C-alpha cells in the first residue's frame, strides 16, 4: 500500500514538472471560464475496521490562467451509519499528454461526519492530493478517472479514493 502512495506521489511530481507545450493546449470552448465535474467512485479507508464506501462529488473550477484552475467542490459518502461530507477548494494544474489531459490536484477543505448510531459528530480539516486523467470527447466535455488520497485531522477517516469523472 505504501508503494502505491509513493508511486502516485512521484507521478504527480513528474506531471507538475513537465513543461506545457503547444501541442498540449487545452481542448475547451472559446471563452469558457468555468469547468464543472461530477464524480462517482469508491473510497478505501486506511484504518482497519472502517468500512469502505461509495463516494460522489460535484465541483466547479474557474480557469485562472492556463494551466491553473481553482474552484469549489462538495463530496460525500455514507458508511457504517456515518454520513461524511466535505466542502473543498480544488486547485488543478493541467498538463497535456497528447490526446489525454492530466490534472494534478491539491484539494484543501473542511469535512463533517455524523454517526447516526452513537449520535456523535466531528468537524475536521482535510487535504487531498490527487491526479485525474481525462479524455476530451468533444470541446468542453470530458470523461476520465481520478486517484486521490484524503488526509483528515481525524485520521480514522483517511482514505484512498478512485473515481470516474465527467466534466463539462
N, C-alpha and C. Protein backbone atom coordinates (compact mmCIF):
# COMPACT_ATOMS: atom_id res chain seq x y z
N UNK A 1 0.83 -1.19 0.00
CA UNK A 1 0.00 0.00 0.00
C UNK A 1 0.88 1.26 0.00
N UNK A 2 1.98 1.25 0.80
CA UNK A 2 2.87 2.40 0.84
C UNK A 2 3.50 2.66 -0.53
N UNK A 3 3.85 1.58 -1.22
CA UNK A 3 4.47 1.73 -2.54
C UNK A 3 3.54 2.42 -3.51
N UNK A 4 2.23 2.09 -3.42
CA UNK A 4 1.26 2.72 -4.31
C UNK A 4 1.21 4.23 -4.07
N UNK A 5 1.21 4.65 -2.80
CA UNK A 5 1.17 6.07 -2.49
C UNK A 5 2.44 6.78 -2.94
N UNK A 6 3.58 6.13 -2.77
CA UNK A 6 4.85 6.71 -3.23
C UNK A 6 4.84 6.85 -4.75
N UNK A 7 4.35 5.82 -5.45
CA UNK A 7 4.28 5.86 -6.91
C UNK A 7 3.36 6.98 -7.39
N UNK A 8 2.20 7.12 -6.75
CA UNK A 8 1.27 8.20 -7.12
C UNK A 8 1.91 9.56 -6.86
N UNK A 9 2.59 9.71 -5.73
CA UNK A 9 3.28 10.97 -5.42
C UNK A 9 4.34 11.31 -6.45
N UNK A 10 5.12 10.30 -6.85
CA UNK A 10 6.15 10.54 -7.86
C UNK A 10 5.53 10.91 -9.20
N UNK A 11 4.40 10.29 -9.55
CA UNK A 11 3.70 10.62 -10.79
C UNK A 11 3.21 12.07 -10.77
N UNK A 12 2.68 12.50 -9.64
CA UNK A 12 2.21 13.89 -9.52
C UNK A 12 3.38 14.86 -9.68
N UNK A 13 4.50 14.58 -9.02
CA UNK A 13 5.69 15.45 -9.15
C UNK A 13 6.17 15.48 -10.59
N UNK A 14 6.19 14.33 -11.24
CA UNK A 14 6.61 14.27 -12.64
C UNK A 14 5.70 15.10 -13.53
N UNK A 15 4.39 14.96 -13.33
CA UNK A 15 3.45 15.72 -14.15
C UNK A 15 3.57 17.22 -13.92
N UNK A 16 3.82 17.62 -12.68
CA UNK A 16 3.98 19.04 -12.38
C UNK A 16 5.24 19.61 -13.02
N UNK A 17 6.24 18.76 -13.23
CA UNK A 17 7.50 19.25 -13.78
C UNK A 17 7.52 19.27 -15.30
N UNK A 18 6.53 18.65 -15.94
CA UNK A 18 6.50 18.66 -17.40
C UNK A 18 6.17 20.05 -17.93
N UNK A 19 6.86 20.51 -18.94
CA UNK A 19 6.53 21.83 -19.49
C UNK A 19 5.26 21.76 -20.33
N UNK A 20 4.53 22.86 -20.35
CA UNK A 20 3.37 22.95 -21.23
C UNK A 20 3.89 23.28 -22.62
N UNK A 21 3.51 22.49 -23.59
CA UNK A 21 3.96 22.70 -24.95
C UNK A 21 2.78 23.03 -25.84
N UNK A 22 3.05 23.56 -27.01
CA UNK A 22 1.99 23.98 -27.91
C UNK A 22 0.99 22.89 -28.21
N UNK A 23 1.44 21.66 -28.36
CA UNK A 23 0.52 20.57 -28.67
C UNK A 23 -0.33 20.17 -27.48
N UNK A 24 -0.03 20.71 -26.31
CA UNK A 24 -0.77 20.36 -25.11
C UNK A 24 -1.82 21.40 -24.75
N UNK A 25 -2.20 22.22 -25.72
CA UNK A 25 -3.22 23.24 -25.45
C UNK A 25 -4.52 22.58 -25.03
N UNK A 26 -5.23 23.21 -24.13
CA UNK A 26 -6.47 22.68 -23.60
C UNK A 26 -7.54 22.62 -24.68
N UNK A 27 -8.37 21.60 -24.61
CA UNK A 27 -9.49 21.45 -25.54
C UNK A 27 -10.74 21.96 -24.85
N UNK A 28 -11.01 23.25 -24.99
CA UNK A 28 -12.21 23.84 -24.39
C UNK A 28 -12.83 24.80 -25.38
N UNK A 29 -14.08 25.13 -25.13
CA UNK A 29 -14.77 26.10 -25.97
C UNK A 29 -14.16 27.48 -25.77
N UNK A 30 -14.14 28.26 -26.83
CA UNK A 30 -13.61 29.63 -26.73
C UNK A 30 -14.39 30.41 -25.68
N UNK A 31 -13.68 31.14 -24.85
CA UNK A 31 -14.32 31.99 -23.85
C UNK A 31 -14.83 31.24 -22.63
N UNK A 32 -14.61 29.96 -22.54
CA UNK A 32 -15.10 29.18 -21.40
C UNK A 32 -14.21 29.45 -20.19
N UNK A 33 -14.82 29.98 -19.12
CA UNK A 33 -14.07 30.30 -17.91
C UNK A 33 -14.26 29.25 -16.81
N UNK A 34 -15.38 28.57 -16.80
CA UNK A 34 -15.69 27.62 -15.73
C UNK A 34 -15.78 26.21 -16.27
N UNK A 35 -15.31 25.27 -15.47
CA UNK A 35 -15.46 23.85 -15.78
C UNK A 35 -16.21 23.21 -14.62
N UNK A 36 -17.12 22.30 -14.96
CA UNK A 36 -17.91 21.60 -13.95
C UNK A 36 -17.63 20.12 -14.07
N UNK A 37 -17.64 19.42 -12.94
CA UNK A 37 -17.36 17.99 -12.96
C UNK A 37 -18.21 17.27 -11.92
N UNK A 38 -18.64 16.08 -12.30
CA UNK A 38 -19.31 15.15 -11.40
C UNK A 38 -18.41 13.94 -11.25
N UNK A 39 -18.35 13.38 -10.06
CA UNK A 39 -17.53 12.18 -9.87
C UNK A 39 -18.31 11.16 -9.06
N UNK A 40 -18.05 9.91 -9.37
CA UNK A 40 -18.62 8.80 -8.62
C UNK A 40 -17.52 7.77 -8.47
N UNK A 41 -17.26 7.36 -7.25
CA UNK A 41 -16.15 6.46 -7.04
C UNK A 41 -16.27 5.64 -5.77
N UNK A 42 -15.15 5.09 -5.37
CA UNK A 42 -15.08 4.20 -4.22
C UNK A 42 -13.89 4.62 -3.37
N UNK A 43 -14.12 4.73 -2.06
CA UNK A 43 -13.03 5.10 -1.16
C UNK A 43 -12.68 3.93 -0.24
N UNK A 44 -11.39 3.70 -0.15
CA UNK A 44 -10.83 2.63 0.69
C UNK A 44 -10.22 3.28 1.92
N UNK A 45 -10.83 3.08 3.07
CA UNK A 45 -10.31 3.68 4.30
C UNK A 45 -9.05 2.96 4.75
N UNK A 46 -8.08 3.71 5.23
CA UNK A 46 -6.80 3.13 5.63
C UNK A 46 -6.84 2.56 7.05
N UNK A 47 -7.79 2.99 7.85
CA UNK A 47 -7.90 2.50 9.23
C UNK A 47 -8.65 1.17 9.21
N UNK A 48 -8.05 0.15 9.82
CA UNK A 48 -8.68 -1.16 9.89
C UNK A 48 -9.97 -1.05 10.71
N UNK A 49 -11.02 -1.70 10.24
CA UNK A 49 -12.30 -1.67 10.94
C UNK A 49 -13.25 -0.61 10.43
N UNK A 50 -12.76 0.32 9.60
CA UNK A 50 -13.64 1.32 9.00
C UNK A 50 -13.97 0.82 7.60
N UNK A 51 -15.27 0.63 7.36
CA UNK A 51 -15.70 0.08 6.07
C UNK A 51 -15.39 1.02 4.92
N UNK A 52 -15.21 0.44 3.75
CA UNK A 52 -15.04 1.21 2.53
C UNK A 52 -16.41 1.71 2.09
N UNK A 53 -16.44 2.66 1.16
CA UNK A 53 -17.72 3.26 0.78
C UNK A 53 -17.69 3.81 -0.63
N UNK A 54 -18.87 3.92 -1.22
CA UNK A 54 -19.02 4.65 -2.46
C UNK A 54 -19.04 6.13 -2.11
N UNK A 55 -18.50 6.96 -2.99
CA UNK A 55 -18.43 8.41 -2.75
C UNK A 55 -18.81 9.14 -4.02
N UNK A 56 -19.45 10.27 -3.86
CA UNK A 56 -19.81 11.10 -5.01
C UNK A 56 -19.42 12.53 -4.76
N UNK A 57 -19.28 13.29 -5.84
CA UNK A 57 -18.90 14.68 -5.68
C UNK A 57 -19.29 15.53 -6.87
N UNK A 58 -19.25 16.82 -6.64
CA UNK A 58 -19.51 17.81 -7.68
C UNK A 58 -18.56 18.97 -7.44
N UNK A 59 -18.09 19.60 -8.52
CA UNK A 59 -17.22 20.77 -8.34
C UNK A 59 -17.35 21.70 -9.54
N UNK A 60 -17.00 22.95 -9.28
CA UNK A 60 -16.91 23.98 -10.31
C UNK A 60 -15.55 24.64 -10.16
N UNK A 61 -14.81 24.75 -11.27
CA UNK A 61 -13.49 25.36 -11.22
C UNK A 61 -13.39 26.46 -12.27
N UNK A 62 -12.81 27.57 -11.87
CA UNK A 62 -12.61 28.71 -12.76
C UNK A 62 -11.19 28.66 -13.30
N UNK A 63 -11.07 28.88 -14.57
CA UNK A 63 -9.76 28.92 -15.22
C UNK A 63 -9.09 30.22 -14.80
N UNK A 64 -7.98 30.13 -14.06
CA UNK A 64 -7.24 31.33 -13.65
C UNK A 64 -6.38 31.81 -14.81
N UNK A 65 -5.51 30.98 -15.27
CA UNK A 65 -4.64 31.21 -16.42
C UNK A 65 -4.11 29.83 -16.77
N UNK A 66 -4.09 29.50 -18.04
CA UNK A 66 -3.65 28.16 -18.40
C UNK A 66 -2.27 27.92 -17.81
N UNK A 67 -2.07 26.89 -17.09
CA UNK A 67 -2.85 25.67 -16.89
C UNK A 67 -3.52 25.57 -15.51
N UNK A 68 -3.74 26.67 -14.81
CA UNK A 68 -4.28 26.64 -13.44
C UNK A 68 -5.79 26.81 -13.40
N UNK A 69 -6.44 26.01 -12.54
CA UNK A 69 -7.86 26.13 -12.28
C UNK A 69 -8.05 26.11 -10.76
N UNK A 70 -8.99 26.91 -10.27
CA UNK A 70 -9.31 26.97 -8.85
C UNK A 70 -10.82 26.99 -8.72
N UNK A 71 -11.35 26.30 -7.72
CA UNK A 71 -12.80 26.26 -7.61
C UNK A 71 -13.31 25.88 -6.24
N UNK A 72 -14.53 25.35 -6.25
CA UNK A 72 -15.20 24.92 -5.04
C UNK A 72 -15.84 23.56 -5.33
N UNK A 73 -15.84 22.69 -4.33
CA UNK A 73 -16.39 21.36 -4.53
C UNK A 73 -17.08 20.84 -3.29
N UNK A 74 -17.92 19.85 -3.50
CA UNK A 74 -18.63 19.19 -2.42
C UNK A 74 -18.55 17.69 -2.68
N UNK A 75 -18.22 16.94 -1.66
CA UNK A 75 -18.08 15.50 -1.79
C UNK A 75 -18.75 14.83 -0.61
N UNK A 76 -19.31 13.64 -0.82
CA UNK A 76 -19.97 12.94 0.26
C UNK A 76 -19.88 11.44 0.15
N UNK A 77 -20.08 10.77 1.30
CA UNK A 77 -20.08 9.31 1.36
C UNK A 77 -20.92 8.89 2.58
N UNK A 78 -21.39 7.63 2.53
CA UNK A 78 -22.14 7.06 3.65
C UNK A 78 -21.60 5.66 3.92
N UNK A 79 -21.22 5.38 5.17
CA UNK A 79 -20.70 4.07 5.54
C UNK A 79 -20.87 3.87 7.04
N UNK A 80 -21.14 2.64 7.47
CA UNK A 80 -21.24 2.27 8.88
C UNK A 80 -22.09 3.25 9.69
N UNK A 81 -23.25 3.62 9.21
CA UNK A 81 -24.13 4.58 9.88
C UNK A 81 -23.50 5.96 10.03
N UNK A 82 -22.50 6.28 9.19
CA UNK A 82 -21.83 7.58 9.23
C UNK A 82 -22.06 8.28 7.90
N UNK A 83 -22.50 9.52 7.97
CA UNK A 83 -22.57 10.34 6.77
C UNK A 83 -21.37 11.28 6.84
N UNK A 84 -20.67 11.41 5.73
CA UNK A 84 -19.43 12.18 5.67
C UNK A 84 -19.54 13.16 4.50
N UNK A 85 -19.39 14.45 4.77
CA UNK A 85 -19.46 15.47 3.72
C UNK A 85 -18.24 16.37 3.83
N UNK A 86 -17.77 16.83 2.67
CA UNK A 86 -16.59 17.69 2.63
C UNK A 86 -16.82 18.84 1.67
N UNK A 87 -16.54 20.05 2.12
CA UNK A 87 -16.54 21.24 1.29
C UNK A 87 -15.09 21.59 1.04
N UNK A 88 -14.70 21.76 -0.23
CA UNK A 88 -13.29 21.95 -0.51
C UNK A 88 -13.06 22.98 -1.61
N UNK A 89 -11.79 23.32 -1.80
CA UNK A 89 -11.36 24.31 -2.81
C UNK A 89 -10.28 23.68 -3.69
N UNK A 90 -10.69 22.93 -4.74
CA UNK A 90 -9.70 22.24 -5.57
C UNK A 90 -8.85 23.19 -6.43
N UNK A 91 -7.55 22.96 -6.40
CA UNK A 91 -6.59 23.68 -7.24
C UNK A 91 -5.99 22.65 -8.20
N UNK A 92 -6.08 22.91 -9.50
CA UNK A 92 -5.60 21.96 -10.50
C UNK A 92 -4.54 22.60 -11.39
N UNK A 93 -3.57 21.78 -11.76
CA UNK A 93 -2.54 22.16 -12.73
C UNK A 93 -2.67 21.17 -13.88
N UNK A 94 -3.08 21.66 -15.05
CA UNK A 94 -3.37 20.79 -16.20
C UNK A 94 -2.16 20.66 -17.11
N UNK A 95 -1.88 19.42 -17.47
CA UNK A 95 -0.79 19.11 -18.39
C UNK A 95 -1.35 18.26 -19.51
N UNK A 96 -1.00 18.60 -20.76
CA UNK A 96 -1.46 17.82 -21.90
C UNK A 96 -0.49 16.68 -22.18
N UNK A 97 -1.03 15.51 -22.34
CA UNK A 97 -0.23 14.33 -22.67
C UNK A 97 -0.77 13.75 -23.97
N UNK A 98 -0.66 14.51 -25.06
CA UNK A 98 -1.25 14.08 -26.32
C UNK A 98 -2.75 14.21 -26.24
N UNK A 99 -3.48 13.13 -26.54
CA UNK A 99 -4.95 13.21 -26.53
C UNK A 99 -5.54 13.19 -25.11
N UNK A 100 -4.72 12.95 -24.11
CA UNK A 100 -5.19 12.88 -22.72
C UNK A 100 -4.64 14.08 -21.96
N UNK A 101 -5.46 14.62 -21.06
CA UNK A 101 -5.03 15.71 -20.18
C UNK A 101 -4.90 15.14 -18.77
N UNK A 102 -3.91 15.60 -18.04
CA UNK A 102 -3.71 15.19 -16.65
C UNK A 102 -3.84 16.42 -15.76
N UNK A 103 -4.69 16.33 -14.77
CA UNK A 103 -4.84 17.40 -13.78
C UNK A 103 -4.21 16.93 -12.48
N UNK A 104 -3.08 17.52 -12.11
CA UNK A 104 -2.50 17.29 -10.78
C UNK A 104 -3.26 18.22 -9.85
N UNK A 105 -3.77 17.68 -8.74
CA UNK A 105 -4.66 18.45 -7.88
C UNK A 105 -4.17 18.49 -6.44
N UNK A 106 -4.46 19.61 -5.79
CA UNK A 106 -4.30 19.76 -4.36
C UNK A 106 -5.62 20.33 -3.86
N UNK A 107 -6.26 19.62 -2.94
CA UNK A 107 -7.63 19.96 -2.56
C UNK A 107 -7.73 20.14 -1.04
N UNK A 108 -7.58 21.37 -0.54
CA UNK A 108 -7.80 21.61 0.89
C UNK A 108 -9.30 21.77 1.15
N UNK A 109 -9.72 21.45 2.37
CA UNK A 109 -11.13 21.61 2.68
C UNK A 109 -11.45 21.38 4.14
N UNK A 110 -12.74 21.39 4.42
CA UNK A 110 -13.27 21.11 5.75
C UNK A 110 -14.31 20.01 5.60
N UNK A 111 -14.33 19.08 6.55
CA UNK A 111 -15.23 17.94 6.46
C UNK A 111 -16.07 17.82 7.73
N UNK A 112 -17.21 17.18 7.57
CA UNK A 112 -18.13 16.95 8.68
C UNK A 112 -18.56 15.49 8.62
N UNK A 113 -18.56 14.82 9.76
CA UNK A 113 -19.03 13.44 9.85
C UNK A 113 -20.02 13.33 10.99
N UNK A 114 -21.11 12.60 10.73
CA UNK A 114 -22.12 12.38 11.78
C UNK A 114 -22.41 10.88 11.85
N UNK A 115 -22.33 10.33 13.08
CA UNK A 115 -22.59 8.93 13.31
C UNK A 115 -24.02 8.79 13.85
N UNK A 116 -24.90 8.17 13.06
CA UNK A 116 -26.30 8.01 13.46
C UNK A 116 -26.45 7.02 14.61
N UNK A 117 -25.51 6.10 14.76
CA UNK A 117 -25.60 5.08 15.80
C UNK A 117 -25.36 5.67 17.20
N UNK A 118 -24.28 6.44 17.37
CA UNK A 118 -23.98 6.99 18.70
C UNK A 118 -24.28 8.48 18.81
N UNK A 119 -24.85 9.06 17.76
CA UNK A 119 -25.27 10.48 17.76
C UNK A 119 -24.12 11.45 17.98
N UNK A 120 -22.91 11.09 17.53
CA UNK A 120 -21.76 11.98 17.66
C UNK A 120 -21.40 12.55 16.30
N UNK A 121 -20.84 13.76 16.33
CA UNK A 121 -20.39 14.37 15.09
C UNK A 121 -18.98 14.92 15.26
N UNK A 122 -18.35 15.23 14.13
CA UNK A 122 -16.98 15.72 14.16
C UNK A 122 -16.76 16.63 12.96
N UNK A 123 -16.09 17.76 13.20
CA UNK A 123 -15.67 18.67 12.14
C UNK A 123 -14.16 18.52 12.02
N UNK A 124 -13.68 18.40 10.77
CA UNK A 124 -12.26 18.12 10.55
C UNK A 124 -11.70 19.00 9.44
N UNK A 125 -10.41 19.20 9.48
CA UNK A 125 -9.69 19.78 8.36
C UNK A 125 -9.32 18.65 7.41
N UNK A 126 -9.14 18.98 6.12
CA UNK A 126 -8.82 17.94 5.13
C UNK A 126 -7.84 18.49 4.10
N UNK A 127 -7.02 17.60 3.58
CA UNK A 127 -6.14 17.92 2.45
C UNK A 127 -6.06 16.67 1.59
N UNK A 128 -6.22 16.87 0.29
CA UNK A 128 -6.24 15.74 -0.64
C UNK A 128 -5.37 16.03 -1.85
N UNK A 129 -4.25 15.34 -2.00
CA UNK A 129 -3.54 15.38 -3.27
C UNK A 129 -4.17 14.34 -4.20
N UNK A 130 -4.14 14.61 -5.49
CA UNK A 130 -4.71 13.65 -6.42
C UNK A 130 -4.32 13.94 -7.84
N UNK A 131 -4.74 13.05 -8.72
CA UNK A 131 -4.50 13.23 -10.15
C UNK A 131 -5.71 12.70 -10.91
N UNK A 132 -6.08 13.42 -11.95
CA UNK A 132 -7.15 12.99 -12.84
C UNK A 132 -6.60 12.91 -14.26
N UNK A 133 -6.93 11.84 -14.94
CA UNK A 133 -6.58 11.66 -16.34
C UNK A 133 -7.87 11.76 -17.13
N UNK A 134 -7.91 12.69 -18.11
CA UNK A 134 -9.14 12.98 -18.83
C UNK A 134 -8.95 12.90 -20.34
N UNK A 135 -9.98 12.42 -20.98
CA UNK A 135 -10.04 12.42 -22.44
C UNK A 135 -11.20 13.33 -22.82
N UNK A 136 -10.90 14.37 -23.60
CA UNK A 136 -11.95 15.27 -24.06
C UNK A 136 -12.61 14.63 -25.28
N UNK A 137 -13.91 14.29 -25.14
CA UNK A 137 -14.61 13.60 -26.21
C UNK A 137 -15.19 14.58 -27.22
N UNK A 138 -15.38 15.81 -26.82
CA UNK A 138 -15.70 16.92 -27.70
C UNK A 138 -15.35 18.19 -26.95
N UNK A 139 -15.35 19.31 -27.63
CA UNK A 139 -14.93 20.55 -26.97
C UNK A 139 -15.75 20.80 -25.70
N UNK A 140 -15.03 20.91 -24.59
CA UNK A 140 -15.67 21.23 -23.32
C UNK A 140 -16.26 20.05 -22.58
N UNK A 141 -16.21 18.84 -23.12
CA UNK A 141 -16.78 17.67 -22.47
C UNK A 141 -15.71 16.59 -22.34
N UNK A 142 -15.55 16.09 -21.11
CA UNK A 142 -14.50 15.09 -20.88
C UNK A 142 -15.01 13.94 -20.02
N UNK A 143 -14.31 12.84 -20.11
CA UNK A 143 -14.53 11.69 -19.24
C UNK A 143 -13.16 11.22 -18.80
N UNK A 144 -13.07 10.79 -17.54
CA UNK A 144 -11.77 10.37 -17.05
C UNK A 144 -11.85 9.59 -15.76
N UNK A 145 -10.69 9.40 -15.18
CA UNK A 145 -10.58 8.68 -13.93
C UNK A 145 -9.68 9.49 -12.99
N UNK A 146 -10.02 9.49 -11.72
CA UNK A 146 -9.24 10.22 -10.74
C UNK A 146 -8.75 9.32 -9.63
N UNK A 147 -7.56 9.62 -9.12
CA UNK A 147 -6.96 8.90 -8.00
C UNK A 147 -6.58 9.94 -6.95
N UNK A 148 -7.00 9.73 -5.69
CA UNK A 148 -6.79 10.72 -4.64
C UNK A 148 -6.45 10.02 -3.32
N UNK A 149 -5.76 10.74 -2.46
CA UNK A 149 -5.54 10.28 -1.09
C UNK A 149 -5.95 11.40 -0.15
N UNK A 150 -6.99 11.19 0.63
CA UNK A 150 -7.51 12.21 1.55
C UNK A 150 -6.99 11.99 2.95
N UNK A 151 -6.47 13.08 3.54
CA UNK A 151 -5.97 13.05 4.92
C UNK A 151 -6.79 14.04 5.74
N UNK A 152 -7.25 13.58 6.90
CA UNK A 152 -8.09 14.39 7.77
C UNK A 152 -7.41 14.59 9.12
N UNK A 153 -7.82 15.63 9.82
CA UNK A 153 -7.29 15.85 11.16
C UNK A 153 -7.78 14.76 12.11
N UNK A 154 -8.84 14.06 11.75
CA UNK A 154 -9.31 12.87 12.45
C UNK A 154 -8.90 11.69 11.56
N UNK A 155 -7.72 11.14 11.81
CA UNK A 155 -7.07 10.22 10.87
C UNK A 155 -7.82 8.92 10.61
N UNK A 156 -8.79 8.56 11.44
CA UNK A 156 -9.54 7.33 11.22
C UNK A 156 -10.29 7.35 9.88
N UNK A 157 -10.53 8.54 9.34
CA UNK A 157 -11.27 8.63 8.08
C UNK A 157 -10.36 8.82 6.86
N UNK A 158 -9.03 8.79 7.04
CA UNK A 158 -8.12 8.88 5.89
C UNK A 158 -8.48 7.79 4.89
N UNK A 159 -8.41 8.14 3.59
CA UNK A 159 -8.80 7.15 2.59
C UNK A 159 -8.12 7.39 1.26
N UNK A 160 -8.03 6.31 0.50
CA UNK A 160 -7.60 6.34 -0.89
C UNK A 160 -8.87 6.21 -1.72
N UNK A 161 -9.06 7.08 -2.70
CA UNK A 161 -10.29 7.08 -3.49
C UNK A 161 -9.97 7.06 -4.98
N UNK A 162 -10.75 6.34 -5.73
CA UNK A 162 -10.67 6.43 -7.17
C UNK A 162 -12.08 6.67 -7.69
N UNK A 163 -12.20 7.47 -8.74
CA UNK A 163 -13.50 7.90 -9.25
C UNK A 163 -13.53 7.99 -10.76
N UNK A 164 -14.70 7.81 -11.30
CA UNK A 164 -14.98 8.16 -12.69
C UNK A 164 -15.39 9.63 -12.66
N UNK A 165 -14.82 10.44 -13.55
CA UNK A 165 -15.06 11.89 -13.54
C UNK A 165 -15.64 12.31 -14.89
N UNK A 166 -16.79 12.97 -14.85
CA UNK A 166 -17.42 13.52 -16.04
C UNK A 166 -17.33 15.03 -15.98
N UNK A 167 -16.77 15.65 -16.99
CA UNK A 167 -16.60 17.10 -16.99
C UNK A 167 -17.33 17.75 -18.15
N UNK A 168 -17.77 18.97 -17.92
CA UNK A 168 -18.41 19.74 -18.99
C UNK A 168 -18.21 21.22 -18.75
